[in-house]
Amino acid sequence: MKVARVHAIEEAVGVYFAAWNETDAAKRKVLLAPVWAEAGVYADPTVETVGIDALSDHIDGVLARLPGSRIVLVGGIEVHHHYARFRWSRVDAGGRSLRDGVDFAEVDDAGRFTRMIGFFEAAA
């Protein structure tokens, strides 16, 4: 895989995290637009969404339940072909982990996420 493609996917993951941390829905959709495919699917144990609007609505719900929290990358991003895997933690304002997980992403030729499948880690 070309180094440029790996870097582009890593940058897209960074934008995706910024969207998860953005409390303003309009700004969040602007962040997601270049990295999320029109019919992109997001699924985790609690929800399955299709498209930017549905994903943004889900993020609104998470942020409403966990105000002041943010998502952070834990470790590196693994990339091969059109796929990526990365670990994350949702932390409170003090940096204490609220939930950890791992996401598996599929990326189209334009560098947009077409599918993001998340798994939550077992509570310690």
Protein backbone atom coordinates (compact mmCIF):
# COMPACT_ATOMS: atom_id res chain seq x y z
CA MET A 1 0.00 0.00 0.00
CA LYS A 2 1.28 3.44 -0.84
CA VAL A 3 2.48 5.56 2.05
CA ALA A 4 0.33 8.48 0.87
CA ARG A 5 -2.81 6.34 1.14
CA VAL A 6 -1.88 5.22 4.66
CA HIS A 7 -1.37 8.86 5.69
CA ALA A 8 -4.68 9.88 4.08
CA ILE A 9 -6.54 7.19 6.04
CA GLU A 10 -4.76 8.21 9.26
CA GLU A 11 -5.77 11.84 8.63
CA ALA A 12 -9.38 10.75 7.96
CA VAL A 13 -9.43 8.94 11.31
CA GLY A 14 -8.26 12.17 12.96
CA VAL A 15 -11.09 14.10 11.32
CA TYR A 16 -13.53 11.37 12.35
CA PHE A 17 -12.39 11.74 15.99
CA ALA A 18 -12.76 15.53 15.74
CA ALA A 19 -16.34 15.00 14.56
CA TRP A 20 -17.07 12.74 17.55
CA ASN A 21 -15.77 15.50 19.84
CA GLU A 22 -17.64 18.36 18.15
CA THR A 23 -20.73 19.49 20.09
CA ASP A 24 -22.13 21.68 17.30
CA ALA A 25 -24.05 19.47 14.84
CA ALA A 26 -23.54 21.81 11.87
CA LYS A 27 -19.77 21.94 12.43
CA ARG A 28 -19.73 18.16 12.93
CA LYS A 29 -21.40 17.57 9.56
CA VAL A 30 -18.83 19.85 7.89
CA LEU A 31 -16.07 17.73 9.45
CA LEU A 32 -17.68 14.47 8.36
CA ALA A 33 -18.51 15.52 4.78
CA PRO A 34 -15.07 14.88 3.23
CA VAL A 35 -14.41 11.64 5.14
CA TRP A 36 -17.82 9.93 5.31
CA ALA A 37 -19.43 8.33 2.24
CA GLU A 38 -23.00 9.39 1.47
CA ALA A 39 -24.34 5.94 2.36
CA GLY A 40 -21.63 5.23 4.93
CA VAL A 41 -22.67 2.77 7.63
CA TYR A 42 -21.75 3.16 11.29
CA ALA A 43 -22.53 0.31 13.68
CA ASP A 44 -21.67 -0.43 17.27
CA PRO A 45 -23.42 -2.61 19.86
CA THR A 46 -26.03 0.11 20.48
CA VAL A 47 -26.90 1.40 17.00
CA GLU A 48 -26.61 1.10 13.23
CA THR A 49 -26.81 4.28 11.14
CA VAL A 50 -26.57 5.13 7.45
CA GLY A 51 -25.33 8.51 6.25
CA ILE A 52 -23.87 11.63 7.85
CA ASP A 53 -27.13 12.94 9.33
CA ALA A 54 -27.89 9.70 11.17
CA LEU A 55 -24.32 9.38 12.44
CA SER A 56 -24.35 13.01 13.60
CA ASP A 57 -27.65 12.42 15.43
CA HIS A 58 -26.15 9.40 17.17
CA ILE A 59 -23.09 11.43 18.21
CA ASP A 60 -25.46 14.11 19.59
CA GLY A 61 -27.05 11.46 21.79
CA VAL A 62 -23.71 10.20 23.08
CA LEU A 63 -22.53 13.73 23.87
CA ALA A 64 -25.84 14.52 25.62
CA ARG A 65 -25.45 11.44 27.84
CA LEU A 66 -21.76 12.09 28.52
CA PRO A 67 -21.31 15.89 28.53
CA GLY A 68 -17.71 17.07 28.55
CA SER A 69 -16.44 13.70 27.36
CA ARG A 70 -14.26 13.19 24.31
CA ILE A 71 -12.87 10.35 22.28
CA VAL A 72 -9.11 9.81 22.07
CA LEU A 73 -6.96 7.47 20.03
CA VAL A 74 -5.27 4.72 22.00
CA GLY A 75 -2.16 3.49 20.20
CA GLY A 76 -1.66 3.59 16.47
CA ILE A 77 -3.83 3.10 13.42
CA GLU A 78 -3.31 -0.09 11.45
CA VAL A 79 -4.01 0.17 7.71
CA HIS A 80 -3.99 -2.29 4.84
CA HIS A 81 -5.71 -2.17 1.46
CA HIS A 82 -9.01 -0.35 2.04
CA TYR A 83 -9.24 -1.16 5.75
CA ALA A 84 -8.19 0.37 9.05
CA ARG A 85 -8.32 -0.68 12.67
CA PHE A 86 -7.78 1.49 15.72
CA ARG A 87 -8.47 1.53 19.45
CA TRP A 88 -10.10 4.44 21.21
CA SER A 89 -11.24 5.55 24.64
CA ARG A 90 -14.09 7.88 25.58
CA VAL A 91 -12.77 9.90 28.49
CA ASP A 92 -14.37 12.37 30.86
CA ALA A 93 -13.15 15.95 31.31
CA GLY A 94 -10.53 14.70 33.78
CA GLY A 95 -9.18 12.10 31.35
CA ARG A 96 -10.72 9.09 33.13
CA SER A 97 -11.78 6.36 30.73
CA LEU A 98 -15.56 5.90 30.47
CA ARG A 99 -15.56 3.29 27.69
CA ASP A 100 -12.92 1.72 25.49
CA GLY A 101 -13.35 0.14 22.12
CA VAL A 102 -11.96 -0.80 18.76
CA ASP A 103 -13.24 0.27 15.34
CA PHE A 104 -12.79 -1.43 12.02
CA ALA A 105 -13.18 0.82 8.98
CA GLU A 106 -13.60 0.32 5.27
CA VAL A 107 -12.51 3.17 3.00
CA ASP A 108 -13.49 3.83 -0.63
CA ASP A 109 -11.12 4.95 -3.40
CA ALA A 110 -11.87 8.61 -2.56
CA GLY A 111 -10.69 8.08 1.03
CA ARG A 112 -14.15 8.23 2.60
CA PHE A 113 -15.39 5.76 5.19
CA THR A 114 -18.01 3.47 3.75
CA ARG A 115 -18.35 1.31 6.84
CA MET A 116 -17.26 1.76 10.45
CA ILE A 117 -17.89 -1.15 12.81
CA GLY A 118 -17.20 -0.55 16.49
CA PHE A 119 -16.83 -2.99 19.35
CA PHE A 120 -16.81 -2.03 23.02
CA GLU A 121 -14.17 -3.52 25.28
CA ALA A 122 -15.28 -5.46 28.32
CA ALA A 123 -15.39 -3.34 31.46
CA ALA A 124 -12.40 -3.83 33.76
